[in-house]
């Protein structure tokens, strides 16, 4: 009898938690979309955006990033990472024509 009571108590607690989460999602208070997908909620912009990724070898990769509007080329390797190219004071982006 005690085991049956414990099982029903656990089921009651889980059902109450599910009902609260369902109610919060219906009311727009909670969103789980951005948690697992890596997306931001509306109104927020990202300051770092991955533009492109090129795998050279299993341990070496080039990453083209846009950081606050400036493009940066970063190389990752087993010893760490290196900034390969970044715009100077007068440039807007890498490869911009003068």
Protein backbone atom coordinates (compact mmCIF):
# COMPACT_ATOMS: atom_id res chain seq x y z
CA UNK A 1 0.00 0.00 0.00
CA UNK A 2 2.87 2.36 0.77
CA UNK A 3 4.46 1.76 -2.64
CA UNK A 4 1.19 2.56 -4.40
CA UNK A 5 0.84 5.78 -2.40
CA UNK A 6 4.40 6.84 -3.30
CA UNK A 7 3.82 6.13 -7.00
CA UNK A 8 0.64 8.22 -7.01
CA UNK A 9 2.44 11.04 -5.15
CA UNK A 10 5.19 11.14 -7.75
CA UNK A 11 2.64 11.10 -10.58
CA UNK A 12 0.72 13.92 -8.91
CA UNK A 13 3.85 16.06 -8.57
CA UNK A 14 4.86 15.48 -12.22
CA UNK A 15 1.37 16.22 -13.46
CA UNK A 16 1.27 19.47 -11.45
CA UNK A 17 4.67 20.50 -12.85
CA UNK A 18 3.48 19.70 -16.37
CA UNK A 19 0.30 21.73 -15.86
CA UNK A 20 2.27 24.73 -14.58
CA UNK A 21 4.71 24.60 -17.51
CA UNK A 22 1.85 24.23 -19.98
CA UNK A 23 0.09 27.22 -18.42
CA UNK A 24 3.23 29.35 -18.53
CA UNK A 25 3.84 28.48 -22.18
CA UNK A 26 0.21 29.27 -23.08
CA UNK A 27 0.47 32.63 -21.34
CA UNK A 28 3.69 33.50 -23.19
CA UNK A 29 5.76 33.68 -20.03
CA UNK A 30 8.13 30.83 -20.97
CA UNK A 31 9.57 29.75 -24.32
CA UNK A 32 11.71 26.67 -24.79
CA UNK A 33 12.51 27.28 -28.47
CA UNK A 34 15.68 29.28 -27.84
CA UNK A 35 17.05 26.96 -25.17
CA UNK A 36 17.75 23.98 -27.40
CA UNK A 37 18.00 25.59 -30.83
CA UNK A 38 20.44 28.33 -29.83
CA UNK A 39 18.09 31.05 -31.05
CA UNK A 40 17.47 34.33 -29.31
CA UNK A 41 14.06 35.60 -28.34
CA UNK A 42 12.57 38.43 -30.31
CA UNK A 43 14.08 41.87 -29.80
CA UNK A 44 17.63 40.64 -29.15
CA UNK A 45 20.41 40.72 -31.71
CA UNK A 46 23.58 38.69 -31.64
CA UNK A 47 26.90 40.49 -31.36
CA UNK A 48 28.82 37.48 -32.74
CA UNK A 49 27.60 35.72 -35.89
CA UNK A 50 29.31 32.78 -37.61
CA UNK A 51 29.39 33.63 -41.31
CA UNK A 52 31.28 30.62 -42.60
CA UNK A 53 33.31 27.64 -41.39
CA UNK A 54 35.90 25.77 -43.44
CA UNK A 55 37.35 22.50 -42.14
CA UNK A 56 40.93 22.09 -43.40
CA UNK A 57 41.88 18.96 -41.44
CA UNK A 58 40.23 17.25 -38.46
CA UNK A 59 42.26 19.52 -36.16
CA UNK A 60 42.41 22.71 -38.25
CA UNK A 61 39.45 24.94 -39.08
CA UNK A 62 38.94 28.47 -40.39
CA UNK A 63 36.04 30.50 -38.98
CA UNK A 64 34.73 33.72 -40.52
CA UNK A 65 32.91 35.69 -37.80
CA UNK A 66 31.10 39.01 -37.73
CA UNK A 67 31.73 40.67 -34.38
CA UNK A 68 29.79 43.91 -33.86
CA UNK A 69 29.68 44.54 -37.61
CA UNK A 70 33.36 43.74 -38.32
CA UNK A 71 34.43 40.50 -39.99
CA UNK A 72 37.24 38.49 -38.40
CA UNK A 73 38.98 35.36 -39.74
CA UNK A 74 40.05 32.96 -36.97
CA UNK A 75 42.04 29.73 -37.34
CA UNK A 76 41.61 26.99 -34.74
CA UNK A 77 44.25 24.31 -34.21
CA UNK A 78 45.31 21.87 -31.48
CA UNK A 79 47.44 24.53 -29.77
CA UNK A 80 44.58 27.06 -29.59
CA UNK A 81 43.27 29.69 -31.97
CA UNK A 82 44.81 32.52 -33.97
CA UNK A 83 43.30 35.68 -35.45
CA UNK A 84 44.36 35.45 -39.10
CA UNK A 85 42.83 38.65 -40.43
CA UNK A 86 40.78 41.48 -39.00
CA UNK A 87 39.89 44.87 -40.42
CA UNK A 88 42.14 47.79 -39.64
CA UNK A 89 40.99 51.21 -38.50
CA UNK A 90 39.85 52.33 -41.96
CA UNK A 91 38.44 49.03 -43.24
CA UNK A 92 34.88 47.86 -42.82
CA UNK A 93 35.41 44.19 -43.58
CA UNK A 94 37.99 41.69 -44.72
CA UNK A 95 38.53 41.82 -48.46
CA UNK A 96 36.86 45.22 -48.80
CA UNK A 97 38.00 47.05 -51.89
CA UNK A 98 39.64 50.42 -51.37
